[in-house]
Amino acid sequence: MAGGWARDGAVEEQIEASIQDELARLKGRRAPVGESALECAECGEEIPEARRAALPGVKLCIDCQSGRDKRYNPRSGINRRGSKDSQLK
């Protein structure tokens, strides 16, 4: 499918690139690195051995991490500025 002056397949390539960028951003956000902490960085409670073994580099206890996950506000993955439809409305 051609889209104006774009070559065939350009739209699909842009969508695929956007998806790959978002996946890379999410993987980078989630991957703890380094040595696991013995105590939570926020509340000071001991981090269980099982959690430290499962997630190398973990710095937060389960309760504090759950609280951060609830506050996380993902950005929209839609590029409305580049959409022809949004320019027509």
PDB file of N, CA and C in Angstrom:
ATOM      1  N   MET A   1       0.848  -1.179   0.000  1.00  0.00           N
ATOM      2  CA  MET A   1       0.000   0.000   0.000  1.00  0.00           C
ATOM      3  C   MET A   1       0.886   1.232   0.000  1.00  0.00           C
ATOM      4  N   ALA A   2       0.711   2.081  -0.944  1.00  0.00           N
ATOM      5  CA  ALA A   2       1.468   3.329  -1.022  1.00  0.00           C
ATOM      6  C   ALA A   2       0.708   4.406  -0.270  1.00  0.00           C
ATOM      7  N   GLY A   3       1.407   5.257   0.406  1.00  0.00           N
ATOM      8  CA  GLY A   3       0.784   6.337   1.162  1.00  0.00           C
ATOM      9  C   GLY A   3       1.335   7.675   0.709  1.00  0.00           C
ATOM     10  N   GLY A   4       0.724   8.285  -0.300  1.00  0.00           N
ATOM     11  CA  GLY A   4       1.217   9.571  -0.792  1.00  0.00           C
ATOM     12  C   GLY A   4       2.544   9.391  -1.498  1.00  0.00           C
ATOM     13  N   TRP A   5       3.573  10.092  -1.033  1.00  0.00           N
ATOM     14  CA  TRP A   5       4.888  10.001  -1.649  1.00  0.00           C
ATOM     15  C   TRP A   5       5.777   8.935  -0.996  1.00  0.00           C
ATOM     16  N   ALA A   6       5.264   8.286   0.006  1.00  0.00           N
ATOM     17  CA  ALA A   6       6.047   7.244   0.690  1.00  0.00           C
ATOM     18  C   ALA A   6       6.133   6.000  -0.182  1.00  0.00           C
ATOM     19  N   ARG A   7       7.239   5.315  -0.073  1.00  0.00           N
ATOM     20  CA  ARG A   7       7.405   4.077  -0.829  1.00  0.00           C
ATOM     21  C   ARG A   7       6.553   2.983  -0.208  1.00  0.00           C
ATOM     22  N   ASP A   8       6.343   1.920  -0.945  1.00  0.00           N
ATOM     23  CA  ASP A   8       5.550   0.792  -0.447  1.00  0.00           C
ATOM     24  C   ASP A   8       6.197   0.208   0.802  1.00  0.00           C
ATOM     25  N   GLY A   9       5.379  -0.066   1.810  1.00  0.00           N
ATOM     26  CA  GLY A   9       5.871  -0.676   3.040  1.00  0.00           C
ATOM     27  C   GLY A   9       6.400   0.305   4.066  1.00  0.00           C
ATOM     28  N   ALA A  10       6.439   1.594   3.761  1.00  0.00           N
ATOM     29  CA  ALA A  10       6.997   2.579   4.688  1.00  0.00           C
ATOM     30  C   ALA A  10       6.162   2.698   5.960  1.00  0.00           C
ATOM     31  N   VAL A  11       4.848   2.617   5.814  1.00  0.00           N
ATOM     32  CA  VAL A  11       3.971   2.747   6.982  1.00  0.00           C
ATOM     33  C   VAL A  11       4.181   1.561   7.920  1.00  0.00           C
ATOM     34  N   GLU A  12       4.244   0.367   7.356  1.00  0.00           N
ATOM     35  CA  GLU A  12       4.451  -0.823   8.177  1.00  0.00           C
ATOM     36  C   GLU A  12       5.809  -0.787   8.871  1.00  0.00           C
ATOM     37  N   GLU A  13       6.829  -0.301   8.174  1.00  0.00           N
ATOM     38  CA  GLU A  13       8.159  -0.177   8.779  1.00  0.00           C
ATOM     39  C   GLU A  13       8.149   0.811   9.940  1.00  0.00           C
ATOM     40  N   GLN A  14       7.422   1.911   9.796  1.00  0.00           N
ATOM     41  CA  GLN A  14       7.329   2.898  10.870  1.00  0.00           C
ATOM     42  C   GLN A  14       6.612   2.314  12.082  1.00  0.00           C
ATOM     43  N   ILE A  15       5.539   1.567  11.833  1.00  0.00           N
ATOM     44  CA  ILE A  15       4.815   0.924  12.945  1.00  0.00           C
ATOM     45  C   ILE A  15       5.717  -0.073  13.655  1.00  0.00           C
ATOM     46  N   GLU A  16       6.415  -0.899  12.892  1.00  0.00           N
ATOM     47  CA  GLU A  16       7.310  -1.892  13.475  1.00  0.00           C
ATOM     48  C   GLU A  16       8.431  -1.228  14.277  1.00  0.00           C
ATOM     49  N   ALA A  17       8.986  -0.134  13.758  1.00  0.00           N
ATOM     50  CA  ALA A  17      10.043   0.587  14.470  1.00  0.00           C
ATOM     51  C   ALA A  17       9.519   1.178  15.779  1.00  0.00           C
ATOM     52  N   SER A  18       8.281   1.694  15.767  1.00  0.00           N
ATOM     53  CA  SER A  18       7.683   2.246  16.987  1.00  0.00           C
ATOM     54  C   SER A  18       7.492   1.161  18.042  1.00  0.00           C
ATOM     55  N   ILE A  19       7.058  -0.005  17.607  1.00  0.00           N
ATOM     56  CA  ILE A  19       6.863  -1.120  18.530  1.00  0.00           C
ATOM     57  C   ILE A  19       8.197  -1.555  19.126  1.00  0.00           C
ATOM     58  N   GLN A  20       9.221  -1.686  18.293  1.00  0.00           N
ATOM     59  CA  GLN A  20      10.540  -2.102  18.780  1.00  0.00           C
ATOM     60  C   GLN A  20      11.125  -1.076  19.758  1.00  0.00           C
ATOM     61  N   ASP A  21      10.938   0.219  19.476  1.00  0.00           N
ATOM     62  CA  ASP A  21      11.422   1.259  20.383  1.00  0.00           C
ATOM     63  C   ASP A  21      10.742   1.174  21.745  1.00  0.00           C
ATOM     64  N   GLU A  22       9.430   0.955  21.743  1.00  0.00           N
ATOM     65  CA  GLU A  22       8.685   0.864  22.997  1.00  0.00           C
ATOM     66  C   GLU A  22       9.099  -0.375  23.786  1.00  0.00           C
ATOM     67  N   LEU A  23       9.289  -1.505  23.108  1.00  0.00           N
ATOM     68  CA  LEU A  23       9.739  -2.719  23.783  1.00  0.00           C
ATOM     69  C   LEU A  23      11.120  -2.533  24.403  1.00  0.00           C
ATOM     70  N   ALA A  24      12.017  -1.881  23.684  1.00  0.00           N
ATOM     71  CA  ALA A  24      13.359  -1.625  24.210  1.00  0.00           C
ATOM     72  C   ALA A  24      13.300  -0.704  25.426  1.00  0.00           C
ATOM     73  N   ARG A  25      12.416   0.293  25.389  1.00  0.00           N
ATOM     74  CA  ARG A  25      12.264   1.205  26.522  1.00  0.00           C
ATOM     75  C   ARG A  25      11.744   0.461  27.748  1.00  0.00           C
ATOM     76  N   LEU A  26      10.761  -0.410  27.544  1.00  0.00           N
ATOM     77  CA  LEU A  26      10.199  -1.161  28.664  1.00  0.00           C
ATOM     78  C   LEU A  26      11.198  -2.155  29.238  1.00  0.00           C
ATOM     79  N   LYS A  27      11.950  -2.825  28.388  1.00  0.00           N
ATOM     80  CA  LYS A  27      12.949  -3.776  28.875  1.00  0.00           C
ATOM     81  C   LYS A  27      14.026  -3.055  29.672  1.00  0.00           C
ATOM     82  N   GLY A  28      14.430  -1.891  29.242  1.00  0.00           N
ATOM     83  CA  GLY A  28      15.448  -1.119  29.956  1.00  0.00           C
ATOM     84  C   GLY A  28      14.949  -0.640  31.303  1.00  0.00           C
ATOM     85  N   ARG A  29      13.675  -0.335  31.405  1.00  0.00           N
ATOM     86  CA  ARG A  29      13.092   0.143  32.657  1.00  0.00           C
ATOM     87  C   ARG A  29      12.974  -0.983  33.677  1.00  0.00           C
ATOM     88  N   ARG A  30      12.730  -2.191  33.214  1.00  0.00           N
ATOM     89  CA  ARG A  30      12.437  -3.303  34.101  1.00  0.00           C
ATOM     90  C   ARG A  30      13.657  -4.076  34.577  1.00  0.00           C
ATOM     91  N   ALA A  31      14.764  -3.977  33.896  1.00  0.00           N
ATOM     92  CA  ALA A  31      15.892  -4.857  34.181  1.00  0.00           C
ATOM     93  C   ALA A  31      16.802  -4.290  35.264  1.00  0.00           C
ATOM     94  N   PRO A  32      16.703  -4.798  36.503  1.00  0.00           N
ATOM     95  CA  PRO A  32      17.645  -4.361  37.528  1.00  0.00           C
ATOM     96  C   PRO A  32      19.042  -4.910  37.234  1.00  0.00           C
ATOM     97  N   VAL A  33      20.041  -4.166  37.603  1.00  0.00           N
ATOM     98  CA  VAL A  33      21.422  -4.602  37.364  1.00  0.00           C
ATOM     99  C   VAL A  33      22.209  -4.509  38.662  1.00  0.00           C
ATOM    100  N   GLY A  34      23.295  -5.247  38.725  1.00  0.00           N
ATOM    101  CA  GLY A  34      24.166  -5.191  39.891  1.00  0.00           C
ATOM    102  C   GLY A  34      23.769  -6.190  40.956  1.00  0.00           C
ATOM    103  N   GLU A  35      24.290  -5.960  42.132  1.00  0.00           N
ATOM    104  CA  GLU A  35      24.041  -6.859  43.249  1.00  0.00           C
ATOM    105  C   GLU A  35      22.747  -6.469  43.953  1.00  0.00           C
ATOM    106  N   SER A  36      21.987  -7.457  44.373  1.00  0.00           N
ATOM    107  CA  SER A  36      20.737  -7.205  45.078  1.00  0.00           C
ATOM    108  C   SER A  36      21.015  -6.601  46.448  1.00  0.00           C
ATOM    109  N   ALA A  37      20.123  -5.726  46.863  1.00  0.00           N
ATOM    110  CA  ALA A  37      20.223  -5.126  48.187  1.00  0.00           C
ATOM    111  C   ALA A  37      19.648  -6.081  49.229  1.00  0.00           C
ATOM    112  N   LEU A  38      20.175  -6.037  50.431  1.00  0.00           N
ATOM    113  CA  LEU A  38      19.629  -6.859  51.520  1.00  0.00           C
ATOM    114  C   LEU A  38      18.409  -6.198  52.135  1.00  0.00           C
ATOM    115  N   GLU A  39      18.362  -4.862  52.094  1.00  0.00           N
ATOM    116  CA  GLU A  39      17.242  -4.100  52.642  1.00  0.00           C
ATOM    117  C   GLU A  39      16.650  -3.225  51.558  1.00  0.00           C
ATOM    118  N   CYS A  40      15.357  -2.987  51.651  1.00  0.00           N
ATOM    119  CA  CYS A  40      14.641  -2.167  50.687  1.00  0.00           C
ATOM    120  C   CYS A  40      15.175  -0.728  50.717  1.00  0.00           C
ATOM    121  N   ALA A  41      15.362  -0.138  49.553  1.00  0.00           N
ATOM    122  CA  ALA A  41      15.889   1.221  49.457  1.00  0.00           C
ATOM    123  C   ALA A  41      14.879   2.259  49.920  1.00  0.00           C
ATOM    124  N   GLU A  42      13.579   1.929  49.945  1.00  0.00           N
ATOM    125  CA  GLU A  42      12.568   2.891  50.358  1.00  0.00           C
ATOM    126  C   GLU A  42      12.157   2.758  51.820  1.00  0.00           C
ATOM    127  N   CYS A  43      11.835   1.527  52.246  1.00  0.00           N
ATOM    128  CA  CYS A  43      11.295   1.369  53.603  1.00  0.00           C
ATOM    129  C   CYS A  43      12.281   0.751  54.588  1.00  0.00           C
ATOM    130  N   GLY A  44      13.357   0.153  54.106  1.00  0.00           N
ATOM    131  CA  GLY A  44      14.363  -0.422  54.990  1.00  0.00           C
ATOM    132  C   GLY A  44      14.078  -1.835  55.457  1.00  0.00           C
ATOM    133  N   GLU A  45      12.947  -2.405  55.027  1.00  0.00           N
ATOM    134  CA  GLU A  45      12.620  -3.796  55.389  1.00  0.00           C
ATOM    135  C   GLU A  45      13.555  -4.758  54.655  1.00  0.00           C
ATOM    136  N   GLU A  46      13.744  -5.933  55.233  1.00  0.00           N
ATOM    137  CA  GLU A  46      14.597  -6.945  54.607  1.00  0.00           C
ATOM    138  C   GLU A  46      13.928  -7.482  53.341  1.00  0.00           C
ATOM    139  N   ILE A  47      14.711  -7.633  52.276  1.00  0.00           N
ATOM    140  CA  ILE A  47      14.220  -8.230  51.033  1.00  0.00           C
ATOM    141  C   ILE A  47      14.424  -9.735  51.139  1.00  0.00           C
ATOM    142  N   PRO A  48      13.361 -10.531  50.960  1.00  0.00           N
ATOM    143  CA  PRO A  48      13.475 -11.990  51.104  1.00  0.00           C
ATOM    144  C   PRO A  48      14.501 -12.584  50.134  1.00  0.00           C
ATOM    145  N   GLU A  49      15.165 -13.633  50.582  1.00  0.00           N
ATOM    146  CA  GLU A  49      16.191 -14.301  49.786  1.00  0.00           C
ATOM    147  C   GLU A  49      15.634 -14.793  48.450  1.00  0.00           C
ATOM    148  N   ALA A  50      14.401 -15.306  48.466  1.00  0.00           N
ATOM    149  CA  ALA A  50      13.803 -15.816  47.232  1.00  0.00           C
ATOM    150  C   ALA A  50      13.658 -14.702  46.191  1.00  0.00           C
ATOM    151  N   ARG A  51      13.288 -13.506  46.632  1.00  0.00           N
ATOM    152  CA  ARG A  51      13.149 -12.368  45.703  1.00  0.00           C
ATOM    153  C   ARG A  51      14.508 -11.954  45.158  1.00  0.00           C
ATOM    154  N   ARG A  52      15.509 -11.928  46.028  1.00  0.00           N
ATOM    155  CA  ARG A  52      16.858 -11.555  45.579  1.00  0.00           C
ATOM    156  C   ARG A  52      17.406 -12.564  44.575  1.00  0.00           C
ATOM    157  N   ALA A  53      17.083 -13.854  44.769  1.00  0.00           N
ATOM    158  CA  ALA A  53      17.554 -14.883  43.839  1.00  0.00           C
ATOM    159  C   ALA A  53      16.801 -14.811  42.509  1.00  0.00           C
ATOM    160  N   ALA A  54      15.514 -14.499  42.563  1.00  0.00           N
ATOM    161  CA  ALA A  54      14.697 -14.453  41.345  1.00  0.00           C
ATOM    162  C   ALA A  54      14.994 -13.227  40.492  1.00  0.00           C
ATOM    163  N   LEU A  55      15.302 -12.100  41.141  1.00  0.00           N
ATOM    164  CA  LEU A  55      15.560 -10.847  40.431  1.00  0.00           C
ATOM    165  C   LEU A  55      16.914 -10.283  40.842  1.00  0.00           C
ATOM    166  N   PRO A  56      17.981 -10.716  40.216  1.00  0.00           N
ATOM    167  CA  PRO A  56      19.295 -10.171  40.566  1.00  0.00           C
ATOM    168  C   PRO A  56      19.323  -8.653  40.368  1.00  0.00           C
ATOM    169  N   GLY A  57      19.824  -7.961  41.355  1.00  0.00           N
ATOM    170  CA  GLY A  57      19.914  -6.505  41.278  1.00  0.00           C
ATOM    171  C   GLY A  57      18.715  -5.786  41.864  1.00  0.00           C
ATOM    172  N   VAL A  58      17.789  -6.519  42.469  1.00  0.00           N
ATOM    173  CA  VAL A  58      16.585  -5.896  43.015  1.00  0.00           C
ATOM    174  C   VAL A  58      16.950  -4.988  44.192  1.00  0.00           C
ATOM    175  N   LYS A  59      16.292  -3.830  44.283  1.00  0.00           N
ATOM    176  CA  LYS A  59      16.578  -2.854  45.339  1.00  0.00           C
ATOM    177  C   LYS A  59      15.369  -2.558  46.229  1.00  0.00           C
ATOM    178  N   LEU A  60      14.174  -3.034  45.817  1.00  0.00           N
ATOM    179  CA  LEU A  60      12.953  -2.739  46.559  1.00  0.00           C
ATOM    180  C   LEU A  60      12.253  -4.014  47.007  1.00  0.00           C
ATOM    181  N   CYS A  61      11.560  -3.934  48.144  1.00  0.00           N
ATOM    182  CA  CYS A  61      10.752  -5.065  48.604  1.00  0.00           C
ATOM    183  C   CYS A  61       9.494  -5.157  47.726  1.00  0.00           C
ATOM    184  N   ILE A  62       8.741  -6.201  47.894  1.00  0.00           N
ATOM    185  CA  ILE A  62       7.562  -6.426  47.057  1.00  0.00           C
ATOM    186  C   ILE A  62       6.536  -5.319  47.249  1.00  0.00           C
ATOM    187  N   ASP A  63       6.286  -4.894  48.483  1.00  0.00           N
ATOM    188  CA  ASP A  63       5.288  -3.859  48.743  1.00  0.00           C
ATOM    189  C   ASP A  63       5.668  -2.528  48.083  1.00  0.00           C
ATOM    190  N   CYS A  64       6.921  -2.119  48.220  1.00  0.00           N
ATOM    191  CA  CYS A  64       7.363  -0.850  47.635  1.00  0.00           C
ATOM    192  C   CYS A  64       7.357  -0.920  46.109  1.00  0.00           C
ATOM    193  N   GLN A  65       7.755  -2.056  45.546  1.00  0.00           N
ATOM    194  CA  GLN A  65       7.744  -2.203  44.091  1.00  0.00           C
ATOM    195  C   GLN A  65       6.317  -2.185  43.564  1.00  0.00           C
ATOM    196  N   SER A  66       5.397  -2.810  44.292  1.00  0.00           N
ATOM    197  CA  SER A  66       3.991  -2.798  43.892  1.00  0.00           C
ATOM    198  C   SER A  66       3.450  -1.382  43.876  1.00  0.00           C
ATOM    199  N   GLY A  67       3.816  -0.597  44.877  1.00  0.00           N
ATOM    200  CA  GLY A  67       3.390   0.804  44.919  1.00  0.00           C
ATOM    201  C   GLY A  67       3.924   1.599  43.736  1.00  0.00           C
ATOM    202  N   ARG A  68       5.169   1.370  43.379  1.00  0.00           N
ATOM    203  CA  ARG A  68       5.742   2.065  42.210  1.00  0.00           C
ATOM    204  C   ARG A  68       5.057   1.636  40.922  1.00  0.00           C
ATOM    205  N   ASP A  69       4.756   0.346  40.813  1.00  0.00           N
ATOM    206  CA  ASP A  69       4.099  -0.145  39.610  1.00  0.00           C
ATOM    207  C   ASP A  69       2.712   0.461  39.447  1.00  0.00           C
ATOM    208  N   LYS A  70       2.004   0.678  40.548  1.00  0.00           N
ATOM    209  CA  LYS A  70       0.673   1.287  40.484  1.00  0.00           C
ATOM    210  C   LYS A  70       0.756   2.749  40.055  1.00  0.00           C
ATOM    211  N   ARG A  71       1.831   3.439  40.457  1.00  0.00           N
ATOM    212  CA  ARG A  71       1.998   4.854  40.085  1.00  0.00           C
ATOM    213  C   ARG A  71       2.489   5.036  38.660  1.00  0.00           C
ATOM    214  N   TYR A  72       3.014   3.975  38.044  1.00  0.00           N
ATOM    215  CA  TYR A  72       3.581   4.075  36.697  1.00  0.00           C
ATOM    216  C   TYR A  72       2.493   4.456  35.712  1.00  0.00           C
ATOM    217  N   ASN A  73       2.732   5.509  34.939  1.00  0.00           N
ATOM    218  CA  ASN A  73       1.789   5.995  33.958  1.00  0.00           C
ATOM    219  C   ASN A  73       2.416   5.873  32.578  1.00  0.00           C
ATOM    220  N   PRO A  74       2.082   4.807  31.842  1.00  0.00           N
ATOM    221  CA  PRO A  74       2.723   4.625  30.537  1.00  0.00           C
ATOM    222  C   PRO A  74       2.288   5.707  29.560  1.00  0.00           C
ATOM    223  N   ARG A  75       3.211   6.096  28.713  1.00  0.00           N
ATOM    224  CA  ARG A  75       2.877   7.090  27.702  1.00  0.00           C
ATOM    225  C   ARG A  75       2.161   6.407  26.550  1.00  0.00           C
ATOM    226  N   SER A  76       1.442   7.181  25.804  1.00  0.00           N
ATOM    227  CA  SER A  76       0.720   6.653  24.659  1.00  0.00           C
ATOM    228  C   SER A  76       1.699   6.252  23.575  1.00  0.00           C
ATOM    229  N   GLY A  77       1.461   5.126  22.935  1.00  0.00           N
ATOM    230  CA  GLY A  77       2.319   4.671  21.857  1.00  0.00           C
ATOM    231  C   GLY A  77       1.852   5.137  20.494  1.00  0.00           C
ATOM    232  N   ILE A  78       0.858   6.025  20.470  1.00  0.00           N
ATOM    233  CA  ILE A  78       0.292   6.480  19.207  1.00  0.00           C
ATOM    234  C   ILE A  78       0.892   7.828  18.837  1.00  0.00           C
ATOM    235  N   ASN A  79       1.371   7.927  17.629  1.00  0.00           N
ATOM    236  CA  ASN A  79       1.923   9.180  17.124  1.00  0.00           C
ATOM    237  C   ASN A  79       0.828   9.903  16.352  1.00  0.00           C
ATOM    238  N   ARG A  80       0.045  10.708  17.039  1.00  0.00           N
ATOM    239  CA  ARG A  80      -1.076  11.395  16.390  1.00  0.00           C
ATOM    240  C   ARG A  80      -0.608  12.513  15.461  1.00  0.00           C
ATOM    241  N   ARG A  81       0.547  13.090  15.725  1.00  0.00           N
ATOM    242  CA  ARG A  81       1.017  14.189  14.886  1.00  0.00           C
ATOM    243  C   ARG A  81       1.328  13.723  13.473  1.00  0.00           C
ATOM    244  N   GLY A  82       1.744  12.482  13.325  1.00  0.00           N
ATOM    245  CA  GLY A  82       2.103  11.976  12.009  1.00  0.00           C
ATOM    246  C   GLY A  82       0.929  11.341  11.270  1.00  0.00           C
ATOM    247  N   SER A  83      -0.234  11.307  11.881  1.00  0.00           N
ATOM    248  CA  SER A  83      -1.390  10.677  11.283  1.00  0.00           C
ATOM    249  C   SER A  83      -2.103  11.652  10.371  1.00  0.00           C
ATOM    250  N   LYS A  84      -2.376  11.218   9.152  1.00  0.00           N
ATOM    251  CA  LYS A  84      -3.076  12.059   8.197  1.00  0.00           C
ATOM    252  C   LYS A  84      -4.487  12.355   8.686  1.00  0.00           C
ATOM    253  N   ASP A  85      -5.128  11.364   9.318  1.00  0.00           N
ATOM    254  CA  ASP A  85      -6.496  11.551   9.805  1.00  0.00           C
ATOM    255  C   ASP A  85      -6.579  12.656  10.845  1.00  0.00           C
ATOM    256  N   SER A  86      -5.578  12.758  11.737  1.00  0.00           N
ATOM    257  CA  SER A  86      -5.645  13.769  12.785  1.00  0.00           C
ATOM    258  C   SER A  86      -5.471  15.173  12.214  1.00  0.00           C
ATOM    259  N   GLN A  87      -4.853  15.294  11.059  1.00  0.00           N
ATOM    260  CA  GLN A  87      -4.672  16.607  10.434  1.00  0.00           C
ATOM    261  C   GLN A  87      -5.956  17.056   9.721  1.00  0.00           C
ATOM    262  N   LEU A  88      -6.802  16.100   9.382  1.00  0.00           N
ATOM    263  CA  LEU A  88      -8.029  16.424   8.663  1.00  0.00           C
ATOM    264  C   LEU A  88      -9.166  16.816   9.588  1.00  0.00           C
ATOM    265  N   LYS A  89      -9.073  16.450  10.875  1.00  0.00           N
ATOM    266  CA  LYS A  89     -10.167  16.714  11.823  1.00  0.00           C
ATOM    267  C   LYS A  89     -10.072  18.081  12.415  1.00  0.00           C
TER     268      LYS A  89
END
